[in-house]
Every structure is written in structure tokens, then in C-alpha cells.
Amino acid sequence: MIVHGWGNYSKLDSEVFFPDTLEKLKLNLLMTKSLIGRGLGRSYGDSANNKHIIQTSKLKKIINFDKQNGCIECESGVTIYELNELTIKEGWFVPVTPGSSYVTLGGALASDIHGKNHHLEGSFSKHVLYAQLMLANGEIVKISHSKNSDLFNATCGGMGLTGIIYSIKFKLKSISSSNIIQTTIKTKNLEETIEQFKINKKSEYSVAWLDCATSIEKCGRGLLFLGQHQKDNTLTYKKKKVVNYPLNIFSKFLNSYSIKLFNYIYYHKNFKKKKTNILHINDYFYPLDSIDNWYLLYGAKGFIQYQFVIPLEFSINVIKEIFYKIYSFNQVPYLTTIKKFGAKNDNYLSFPMEGITVAFDFKATNKIKNLIESLDEIVVNNKGRVYLTKDTLMKKEVFTKYYENWDKFEKVREKYGAKGKFFSNQSIRLGLK
């Protein structure tokens, strides 16, 4: 079957296995010389692409749910969507969530996902009590912060290159409402946007949309969305209605002019400097989940998401330099978001570090490769890094500068027999085979 990342950019014809039991998982693993694990394919690039793939999306068992203490153990194919259906009505919520609920827990750990609360709660791995990992020889080992910690640190954020994650046990977040109090703050430039992150550093959740299709002087103005769990003892789960639009037809209308118009309307329709409203948890965290395959909006060539993080002390000047570079290539990001990160963790390839992270969506064009190469140079020179889960074009020499612990990561892979067994198109490109 043809597989691709969410960006619909890198495609590959692969043999894909769908084991639904631990025994079948082991059988599929041992009968294949080399492979990569895959959840639902929601990483944006080619990190889950290989000629042979074990897709874990049928490993759906809830092994144990301690409703009193908020601990849950699940097979790795359970999605955040399915988890939320089960736990929210019981007063528990996933401790860290990305912008889509259609992500498997195995994928969440392999990417060591971060959310709108990284400044307070860190990455997903921080809340993991242990995971069970299948090694290259079919053996299942338990890994945690204290048991086989070197393998745990390599697996969390390791993009599936240490083995197949079979199950995960982690601590949930206690909530007393399925509603979120959202406060929207309108900012006039990049400096004010970042200053508002600092002012609201105690907010449970924070993320901002930026208008990067305006003039260079105004670039960085935006809308900051703060979130707090309401405390009204209302615990209901509202399924999002998923609609299918013929988005490939509309892709021809997606250009710099339509994006400028959309951004202008979206920014100015918020008349007030500050407003507050109540949203269901799904509407605050997963606004795009109601549109199936929204990536088709970018057309047949797909799109590239470029997400980087820069230390706080360099952030304003560096982000402005990146804005100027994008303008010099006559490119317009179709969507731009920005968040503040807290401290980094001990995982070798985890993305977050203390600073400001920005994510751009670019429609794939002939200029994109050269633009990404220029952006990488800026980020490297300013002690930042790019998210492997969003990467499509990173080069080996850039990767080794972004992730200074890559050599420790490779030594752990060699120690546990992962080298030569688990790799992807991305890892080959980065020199991890």
C-alpha cells in the first residue's frame, strides 16, 4: 500500500502488517529483516516510512484503568480520541495532548509529544510510569525513568528507532469539567505576543496564532489563546462531527492572496483586545479534527510544516530574521502558531527546550527546499533545533548539530540490537541506519 506522512509530501509503496495481538506483533517483527513501527501516520514527514511497516493501530486493548488514582495502561494503538472518550466522563484527561486527537499513544511516546501546557507540564514522557518495548529479537522489556533508563531516554522522542512500543502506563490529569475557559488576547506585533506569554506564564494552556501574511512591520501580530479547565462539575464527552469536503478542488484557490485576505478577516473579526468564552475540551484542543484529511487543501504536492524552537533570550531577533528570510523567498506561511516551552528533559532526541517554538505550514513548491535549508542555517546558528516529527527535509549535518546527544542515542540502539533492524526513510536521511 502507498503510505505517506500527514504532509502528503513523501510517499512510499510499502508492505504493511496490522497485528492485533502481541503474538502476531512478534511474528511480524521476526519475519521481517528491517522495518519501522507506525501508528496512524500523523507525523508530517517520512519518519514512519519504510519498505516494511508494522502498523500498531489494531493494538487497542485497555489493559487497566485505575479510575480512583487516574493511572491507565493501554496498548500502543489506542488513540487519544479513544482515551478521551473513556476518561473525560470519569474526571481524567490526557496530561499532554497535541493538536489532534487522532494520534496513537505509541506515536505520542515515540515523538515525546508536547502540548499547549509544556511550560508547566513538560512532554508526554514525563507522565509515563513505564512502557513495554519489543526489541529486535522479539523480547519484551519494561522501560521507565528508573528501569532500563537509557533505553527509555532513547525511546521517548526516538521516532520508533529503538523497537516497537507495545504498551504504555501513565498518569492522567484530574479535571472537574469537560469545558475550557478560553481567554483570547489580541496582540499588535511579535514583541507583544511573546510578552503576553511571559505575563500569562501560569495559565494552564497557551498557544497563539500569528498573522505572517501581513506587512513585515506587523508580522508577528496575532491572537493568544489561553485555556483553563472550568470547575463546574460538568463531565460530558461530545463527539466531534467529522465532515468530508472536496478539499483538493479548493486547493487551487489557496495562494498568498487568499491567505492574506483570510488572515486579515480572522485577525480583525476579534474587535476586543481581550475576550473570554467557554469551549468544550474538544473544540479548544482539536479544532481541525472535525475536517477529515484537511491536508488535501494544500493540493497534490502536499505541504511542509517547519517547527523550530529558539532559546528565549534570542527569540525575538531570530524569529524576525526568519520572517525576513521567508519574505525574501516570496513565500507566505499558510498557518503559523507559536508557543512557549519549559525546560528540556533527559531524552536524547526530544524536541522541546526552554524557549519559544514556532510552526509554519508551507504549501510544497519548488522553492521550499532552498528556503528550509536557509531557515536551518539560522536556527543552528542560534542554538535552536527542529522537531523530528514535523521534519521532511533535514540534512544529516544539521541533525547532528540540533541534537547533541545523537551519538548516545546510537550507542543505546547498538546495545539493544536496534541498529539495522529499525529504520525509516527519515533516519536514513539523518544517518541513523
Protein backbone atom coordinates (compact mmCIF):
# COMPACT_ATOMS: atom_id res chain seq x y z
CA MET A 1 0.00 0.00 0.00
CA ILE A 2 1.05 3.62 -0.52
CA VAL A 3 1.95 5.34 2.75
CA HIS A 4 2.74 8.96 3.45
CA GLY A 5 3.07 11.35 6.35
CA TRP A 6 0.39 13.87 7.22
CA GLY A 7 2.05 16.43 4.98
CA ASN A 8 1.29 14.17 1.98
CA TYR A 9 4.75 15.05 0.68
CA SER A 10 6.85 11.87 0.92
CA LYS A 11 5.11 8.76 -0.43
CA LEU A 12 6.28 5.15 -0.50
CA ASP A 13 4.86 1.79 -1.61
CA SER A 14 5.22 -0.44 1.45
CA GLU A 15 4.33 -3.84 2.83
CA VAL A 16 2.25 -3.06 5.92
CA PHE A 17 1.40 -5.50 8.73
CA PHE A 18 -1.55 -4.90 11.07
CA PRO A 19 -1.05 -7.17 14.12
CA ASP A 20 -3.91 -7.18 16.63
CA THR A 21 -2.25 -9.32 19.31
CA LEU A 22 1.15 -9.43 20.99
CA GLU A 23 1.83 -12.82 19.41
CA LYS A 24 1.15 -11.53 15.89
CA LEU A 25 3.27 -8.46 16.59
CA LYS A 26 6.22 -10.68 17.48
CA LEU A 27 5.66 -12.90 14.43
CA ASN A 28 5.55 -9.90 12.07
CA LEU A 29 8.67 -8.45 13.62
CA LEU A 30 10.73 -11.65 13.40
CA MET A 31 9.75 -12.41 9.80
CA THR A 32 11.00 -9.03 8.56
CA LYS A 33 14.66 -8.12 8.20
CA SER A 34 14.13 -4.39 8.70
CA LEU A 35 11.09 -2.25 9.44
CA ILE A 36 9.65 0.75 11.25
CA GLY A 37 6.66 0.99 13.55
CA ARG A 38 3.75 3.25 12.61
CA GLY A 39 0.69 4.46 14.46
CA LEU A 40 -1.82 6.41 12.35
CA GLY A 41 0.77 8.16 10.20
CA ARG A 42 0.21 11.58 11.77
CA SER A 43 3.88 12.55 11.82
CA TYR A 44 4.25 15.03 8.99
CA GLY A 45 7.19 13.68 7.02
CA ASP A 46 8.82 10.31 6.36
CA SER A 47 9.61 9.17 9.91
CA ALA A 48 7.19 6.22 9.61
CA ASN A 49 8.08 5.29 6.01
CA ASN A 50 9.92 2.04 5.25
CA LYS A 51 9.53 -0.76 2.72
CA HIS A 52 8.22 -2.82 5.65
CA ILE A 53 5.93 -1.34 8.31
CA ILE A 54 4.26 -2.68 11.42
CA GLN A 55 1.19 -0.55 11.97
CA THR A 56 0.05 -0.75 15.59
CA SER A 57 -3.39 0.80 15.10
CA LYS A 58 -5.17 -2.53 15.83
CA LEU A 59 -3.48 -2.99 19.20
CA LYS A 60 -6.42 -1.41 21.02
CA LYS A 61 -6.63 -3.09 24.40
CA ILE A 62 -7.15 -1.07 27.60
CA ILE A 63 -5.05 -3.20 29.92
CA ASN A 64 -6.03 -1.46 33.15
CA PHE A 65 -7.74 1.79 34.17
CA ASP A 66 -7.46 2.82 37.83
CA LYS A 67 -10.30 5.36 37.98
CA GLN A 68 -9.58 6.30 41.57
CA ASN A 69 -5.93 7.24 41.09
CA GLY A 70 -6.01 8.18 37.42
CA CYS A 71 -3.49 5.64 36.14
CA ILE A 72 -4.11 3.86 32.86
CA GLU A 73 -2.25 1.24 30.86
CA CYS A 74 -3.08 0.78 27.18
CA GLU A 75 -1.73 -0.99 24.14
CA SER A 76 0.08 1.44 21.89
CA GLY A 77 -2.57 1.57 19.16
CA VAL A 78 -5.15 3.27 21.40
CA THR A 79 -5.67 6.84 20.21
CA ILE A 80 -6.02 9.98 22.28
CA TYR A 81 -9.54 10.26 20.82
CA GLU A 82 -10.44 6.83 22.22
CA LEU A 83 -8.73 7.62 25.50
CA ASN A 84 -10.72 10.85 25.88
CA GLU A 85 -13.99 9.02 25.21
CA LEU A 86 -13.19 6.74 28.14
CA THR A 87 -11.56 9.04 30.68
CA ILE A 88 -13.13 12.52 30.45
CA LYS A 89 -16.50 11.41 31.82
CA GLU A 90 -14.60 9.87 34.76
CA GLY A 91 -12.86 13.16 35.57
CA TRP A 92 -9.50 12.43 33.94
CA PHE A 93 -7.76 13.91 30.89
CA VAL A 94 -4.60 13.08 28.99
CA PRO A 95 -1.77 15.03 30.69
CA VAL A 96 -0.27 16.27 27.42
CA THR A 97 -2.02 16.41 24.07
CA PRO A 98 -1.05 17.62 20.59
CA GLY A 99 -3.40 19.49 18.27
CA SER A 100 -5.07 16.32 17.01
CA SER A 101 -6.70 13.51 18.97
CA TYR A 102 -6.12 11.09 16.10
CA VAL A 103 -2.69 10.16 17.42
CA THR A 104 -1.82 6.77 18.90
CA LEU A 105 -0.24 6.56 22.33
CA GLY A 106 2.72 4.72 20.82
CA GLY A 107 3.22 7.57 18.39
CA ALA A 108 2.84 10.06 21.22
CA LEU A 109 5.72 8.43 23.10
CA ALA A 110 7.89 7.93 20.01
CA SER A 111 7.53 11.66 19.30
CA ASP A 112 7.52 12.59 23.01
CA ILE A 113 4.70 14.95 22.15
CA HIS A 114 4.31 18.37 23.70
CA GLY A 115 1.16 20.43 24.04
CA LYS A 116 -0.12 23.83 24.98
CA ASN A 117 1.00 23.19 28.57
CA HIS A 118 4.67 22.33 28.11
CA HIS A 119 5.69 25.41 30.10
CA LEU A 120 4.05 23.78 33.15
CA GLU A 121 3.75 20.04 32.49
CA GLY A 122 6.61 19.15 30.15
CA SER A 123 6.37 16.46 27.47
CA PHE A 124 4.31 13.27 27.45
CA SER A 125 7.19 11.09 28.68
CA LYS A 126 7.29 12.99 31.99
CA HIS A 127 3.94 11.40 32.92
CA VAL A 128 4.80 7.86 31.79
CA LEU A 129 5.20 5.31 34.60
CA TYR A 130 6.59 2.67 32.27
CA ALA A 131 6.30 1.30 28.75
CA GLN A 132 6.77 -2.16 27.27
CA LEU A 133 9.06 -2.24 24.23
CA MET A 134 9.59 -5.10 21.80
CA LEU A 135 13.24 -5.39 20.82
CA ALA A 136 14.68 -6.63 17.53
CA ASN A 137 14.78 -10.24 18.81
CA GLY A 138 11.11 -10.19 19.85
CA GLU A 139 11.85 -9.80 23.57
CA ILE A 140 9.58 -7.50 25.57
CA VAL A 141 11.38 -5.27 28.07
CA LYS A 142 9.94 -2.79 30.56
CA ILE A 143 11.41 0.72 30.36
CA SER A 144 10.90 3.72 32.63
CA HIS A 145 12.65 6.67 34.23
CA SER A 146 14.33 4.21 36.63
CA LYS A 147 14.34 0.83 34.80
CA ASN A 148 16.42 0.49 31.63
CA SER A 149 16.52 4.27 31.73
CA ASP A 150 18.99 4.54 28.84
CA LEU A 151 16.54 2.71 26.58
CA PHE A 152 13.66 4.80 27.95
CA ASN A 153 15.54 8.04 27.18
CA ALA A 154 16.26 6.79 23.67
CA THR A 155 12.71 5.56 23.01
CA CYS A 156 10.94 8.75 24.15
CA GLY A 157 11.35 11.05 21.16
CA GLY A 158 13.32 8.34 19.34
CA MET A 159 10.92 8.13 16.37
CA GLY A 160 10.47 4.36 16.62
CA LEU A 161 14.16 3.58 16.09
CA THR A 162 14.65 1.51 19.27
CA GLY A 163 11.84 -1.02 18.85
CA ILE A 164 8.08 -1.40 18.72
CA ILE A 165 6.24 0.19 21.64
CA TYR A 166 3.69 -2.41 22.77
CA SER A 167 2.05 -0.69 25.75
CA ILE A 168 2.28 2.39 27.96
CA LYS A 169 1.20 3.08 31.53
CA PHE A 170 0.89 6.72 32.51
CA LYS A 171 -0.72 9.15 34.93
CA LEU A 172 -3.76 11.13 33.81
CA LYS A 173 -4.66 14.70 34.77
CA SER A 174 -7.56 15.22 37.19
CA ILE A 175 -10.31 17.54 35.86
CA SER A 176 -13.70 18.57 37.23
CA SER A 177 -15.18 19.77 33.93
CA SER A 178 -15.15 18.92 30.26
CA ASN A 179 -15.23 22.63 29.47
CA ILE A 180 -12.36 25.04 28.96
CA ILE A 181 -12.43 28.75 29.80
CA GLN A 182 -10.71 30.35 26.82
CA THR A 183 -9.32 33.86 27.01
CA THR A 184 -8.32 35.43 23.69
CA ILE A 185 -5.80 38.28 23.71
CA LYS A 186 -5.19 40.31 20.57
CA THR A 187 -1.57 41.42 20.05
CA LYS A 188 -0.18 44.04 17.68
CA ASN A 189 3.29 42.63 16.98
CA LEU A 190 5.74 39.84 17.80
CA GLU A 191 7.17 41.63 20.84
CA GLU A 192 3.73 41.94 22.42
CA THR A 193 2.87 38.32 21.61
CA ILE A 194 5.95 37.00 23.39
CA GLU A 195 5.47 39.43 26.27
CA GLN A 196 1.92 38.10 26.75
CA PHE A 197 3.29 34.55 27.03
CA LYS A 198 5.53 35.78 29.85
CA ILE A 199 2.72 37.66 31.58
CA ASN A 200 0.42 34.62 31.38
CA LYS A 201 3.05 32.01 32.27
CA LYS A 202 0.78 30.49 34.94
CA SER A 203 -2.08 29.82 32.53
CA GLU A 204 -2.69 26.06 32.20
CA TYR A 205 -2.61 26.20 28.42
CA SER A 206 -1.39 28.78 25.92
CA VAL A 207 -0.88 28.97 22.17
CA ALA A 208 -1.03 31.82 19.68
CA TRP A 209 -1.95 32.13 16.03
CA LEU A 210 0.26 34.58 14.14
CA ASP A 211 -0.53 36.64 11.08
CA CYS A 212 2.52 36.18 8.86
CA ALA A 213 0.81 37.28 5.67
CA THR A 214 0.75 40.95 6.59
CA SER A 215 3.44 43.61 6.17
CA ILE A 216 6.86 42.86 7.63
CA GLU A 217 6.32 45.57 10.25
CA LYS A 218 3.17 43.87 11.54
CA CYS A 219 4.34 40.30 11.05
CA GLY A 220 4.01 38.53 14.38
CA ARG A 221 0.76 40.13 15.46
CA GLY A 222 -1.79 37.57 16.45
CA LEU A 223 -4.29 36.04 18.81
CA LEU A 224 -3.15 34.36 22.01
CA PHE A 225 -5.50 31.62 23.22
CA LEU A 226 -5.22 30.88 26.94
CA GLY A 227 -7.05 27.95 28.48
CA GLN A 228 -8.08 26.88 31.96
CA HIS A 229 -10.18 23.88 32.96
CA GLN A 230 -13.55 25.07 34.22
CA LYS A 231 -14.65 23.82 37.65
CA ASP A 232 -18.38 23.31 37.18
CA ASN A 233 -18.56 19.54 37.72
CA THR A 234 -19.84 19.02 34.17
CA LEU A 235 -18.20 15.94 32.71
CA THR A 236 -19.59 15.07 29.29
CA TYR A 237 -17.94 13.84 26.14
CA LYS A 238 -19.09 15.42 22.92
CA LYS A 239 -18.04 13.61 19.78
CA LYS A 240 -16.86 15.91 17.02
CA LYS A 241 -18.84 15.66 13.83
CA VAL A 242 -16.37 14.85 11.07
CA VAL A 243 -17.13 16.25 7.64
CA ASN A 244 -15.55 15.50 4.28
CA TYR A 245 -15.10 18.39 1.90
CA PRO A 246 -13.64 18.03 -1.62
CA LEU A 247 -10.61 19.96 -0.40
CA ASN A 248 -8.46 19.05 -3.40
CA ILE A 249 -10.83 21.14 -5.52
CA PHE A 250 -10.31 24.17 -3.26
CA SER A 251 -6.52 23.82 -3.24
CA LYS A 252 -6.21 25.88 -6.43
CA PHE A 253 -7.67 28.85 -4.54
CA LEU A 254 -5.12 28.56 -1.74
CA ASN A 255 -2.47 31.16 -2.52
CA SER A 256 -0.75 34.16 -0.98
CA TYR A 257 -3.67 36.46 -1.84
CA SER A 258 -6.37 34.26 -0.30
CA ILE A 259 -4.23 33.69 2.81
CA LYS A 260 -3.68 37.43 3.26
CA LEU A 261 -7.42 38.01 2.98
CA PHE A 262 -8.26 35.19 5.40
CA ASN A 263 -5.67 36.36 7.96
CA TYR A 264 -6.89 39.95 7.74
CA ILE A 265 -10.50 38.89 8.41
CA TYR A 266 -9.54 36.40 11.14
CA TYR A 267 -7.43 38.97 12.97
CA HIS A 268 -9.84 41.91 12.70
CA LYS A 269 -13.03 39.99 13.47
CA ASN A 270 -11.78 39.96 17.04
CA PHE A 271 -12.81 43.51 17.88
CA LYS A 272 -11.87 43.38 21.54
CA LYS A 273 -8.35 43.40 22.93
CA LYS A 274 -9.39 40.63 25.31
CA LYS A 275 -12.41 38.34 25.46
CA THR A 276 -13.44 35.18 27.31
CA ASN A 277 -15.71 32.33 26.28
CA ILE A 278 -16.42 28.70 27.20
CA LEU A 279 -15.49 25.84 24.87
CA HIS A 280 -15.84 22.10 25.10
CA ILE A 281 -12.49 20.41 25.60
CA ASN A 282 -12.58 19.02 22.04
CA ASP A 283 -13.16 22.43 20.48
CA TYR A 284 -10.27 24.02 22.36
CA PHE A 285 -7.67 21.33 21.74
CA TYR A 286 -8.69 19.75 18.42
CA PRO A 287 -10.33 22.35 16.15
CA LEU A 288 -9.17 20.69 12.92
CA ASP A 289 -10.28 17.16 13.84
CA SER A 290 -13.74 17.93 12.50
CA ILE A 291 -12.34 18.16 8.96
CA ASP A 292 -11.22 14.79 7.62
CA ASN A 293 -7.94 14.82 5.65
CA TRP A 294 -7.59 18.59 5.79
CA TYR A 295 -4.08 18.22 4.38
CA LEU A 296 -5.70 17.81 0.92
CA LEU A 297 -6.36 21.55 0.99
CA TYR A 298 -2.70 22.04 0.09
CA GLY A 299 -3.02 20.15 -3.17
CA ALA A 300 -1.46 17.05 -4.69
CA LYS A 301 2.12 18.02 -3.83
CA GLY A 302 1.28 18.31 -0.15
CA PHE A 303 2.78 20.68 2.38
CA ILE A 304 5.77 21.10 4.67
CA GLN A 305 5.45 22.02 8.32
CA TYR A 306 8.59 23.54 9.77
CA GLN A 307 8.66 23.74 13.56
CA PHE A 308 11.67 25.09 15.42
CA VAL A 309 12.50 26.24 18.95
CA ILE A 310 14.85 29.07 19.89
CA PRO A 311 16.17 29.92 23.38
CA LEU A 312 14.10 32.70 24.92
CA GLU A 313 16.93 35.23 25.04
CA PHE A 314 17.39 35.09 21.23
CA SER A 315 13.77 34.56 20.26
CA ILE A 316 12.51 37.96 19.07
CA ASN A 317 15.51 38.81 16.88
CA VAL A 318 15.82 35.29 15.46
CA ILE A 319 12.12 34.91 14.68
CA LYS A 320 12.18 38.29 12.93
CA GLU A 321 15.22 37.17 10.93
CA ILE A 322 13.27 34.07 9.91
CA PHE A 323 10.30 36.23 8.90
CA TYR A 324 12.61 38.31 6.68
CA LYS A 325 14.10 35.17 5.14
CA ILE A 326 10.65 33.78 4.30
CA TYR A 327 9.69 37.11 2.72
CA SER A 328 12.92 37.13 0.69
CA PHE A 329 11.82 33.83 -0.89
CA ASN A 330 8.39 35.32 -1.67
CA GLN A 331 6.74 32.62 0.42
CA VAL A 332 3.74 33.00 2.73
CA PRO A 333 3.11 30.57 5.61
CA TYR A 334 -0.47 29.37 5.32
CA LEU A 335 -0.67 28.77 9.05
CA THR A 336 1.65 29.93 11.83
CA THR A 337 1.44 29.07 15.52
CA ILE A 338 3.70 29.93 18.44
CA LYS A 339 4.08 28.55 21.98
CA LYS A 340 6.39 28.93 24.97
CA PHE A 341 8.32 25.87 26.15
CA GLY A 342 9.55 24.99 29.62
CA ALA A 343 12.79 23.17 30.45
CA LYS A 344 14.11 20.31 28.33
CA ASN A 345 14.20 16.72 29.61
CA ASP A 346 16.85 13.98 29.57
CA ASN A 347 15.64 12.19 26.45
CA TYR A 348 18.26 12.11 23.71
CA LEU A 349 16.09 13.23 20.79
CA SER A 350 13.17 15.01 22.48
CA PHE A 351 12.44 18.30 20.78
CA PRO A 352 11.38 20.82 23.45
CA MET A 353 13.88 23.07 25.19
CA GLU A 354 13.26 26.24 27.17
CA GLY A 355 12.34 28.95 24.70
CA ILE A 356 9.86 29.90 22.01
CA THR A 357 8.66 27.46 19.37
CA VAL A 358 7.10 28.48 16.04
CA ALA A 359 5.47 26.22 13.44
CA PHE A 360 4.92 27.26 9.81
CA ASP A 361 2.82 25.44 7.20
CA PHE A 362 4.10 25.93 3.65
CA LYS A 363 2.48 24.64 0.51
CA ALA A 364 5.06 22.43 -1.23
CA THR A 365 6.69 24.36 -4.07
CA ASN A 366 9.97 24.25 -5.97
CA LYS A 367 11.41 26.91 -3.64
CA ILE A 368 10.69 25.12 -0.39
CA LYS A 369 13.87 23.02 -0.18
CA ASN A 370 16.10 26.07 -0.53
CA LEU A 371 14.01 28.03 1.97
CA ILE A 372 14.15 25.22 4.57
CA GLU A 373 17.91 24.96 4.12
CA SER A 374 18.23 28.71 4.78
CA LEU A 375 15.98 28.50 7.85
CA ASP A 376 18.00 25.57 9.22
CA GLU A 377 21.13 27.67 9.00
CA ILE A 378 19.54 30.44 11.07
CA VAL A 379 18.21 28.02 13.70
CA VAL A 380 21.52 26.14 14.02
CA ASN A 381 23.47 29.37 14.42
CA ASN A 382 21.20 30.43 17.27
CA LYS A 383 21.31 27.24 19.35
CA GLY A 384 17.85 26.05 18.37
CA ARG A 385 16.51 22.83 16.87
CA VAL A 386 13.76 21.50 14.59
CA TYR A 387 11.09 18.93 15.55
CA LEU A 388 11.76 15.50 14.04
CA THR A 389 8.03 14.67 13.97
CA LYS A 390 7.47 17.59 11.59
CA ASP A 391 10.70 17.15 9.61
CA THR A 392 10.76 16.26 5.93
CA LEU A 393 13.97 17.79 4.55
CA MET A 394 16.55 17.95 7.37
CA LYS A 395 20.11 17.01 6.43
CA LYS A 396 22.46 14.80 8.47
CA GLU A 397 24.96 17.57 9.16
CA VAL A 398 22.20 19.79 10.52
CA PHE A 399 20.66 17.00 12.61
CA THR A 400 23.90 16.30 14.47
CA LYS A 401 24.11 20.00 15.41
CA TYR A 402 20.47 20.18 16.51
CA TYR A 403 20.61 17.05 18.66
CA GLU A 404 23.93 16.93 20.52
CA ASN A 405 23.07 13.57 22.14
CA TRP A 406 22.60 11.74 18.86
CA ASP A 407 25.77 9.68 19.47
CA LYS A 408 24.45 8.50 22.86
CA PHE A 409 21.22 7.58 21.11
CA GLU A 410 23.10 5.46 18.57
CA LYS A 411 25.09 3.67 21.29
CA VAL A 412 21.84 2.67 23.01
CA ARG A 413 20.43 1.40 19.72
CA GLU A 414 23.54 -0.68 19.19
CA LYS A 415 23.43 -2.01 22.76
CA TYR A 416 19.87 -3.31 22.35
CA GLY A 417 20.22 -4.60 18.78
CA ALA A 418 18.08 -1.94 17.10
CA LYS A 419 20.64 -0.77 14.51
CA GLY A 420 20.00 -2.34 11.13
CA LYS A 421 16.56 -3.56 12.23
CA PHE A 422 14.55 -0.42 12.91
CA PHE A 423 14.97 2.48 10.50
CA SER A 424 12.92 4.79 8.30
CA ASN A 425 13.40 6.99 5.28
CA GLN A 426 13.93 9.86 7.70
CA SER A 427 16.54 8.05 9.79
CA ILE A 428 18.48 7.05 6.66
CA ARG A 429 18.49 10.69 5.59
CA LEU A 430 19.78 11.67 9.05
CA GLY A 431 22.47 8.99 9.11
CA LEU A 432 20.70 6.68 11.61
CA LYS A 433 20.54 3.24 10.00
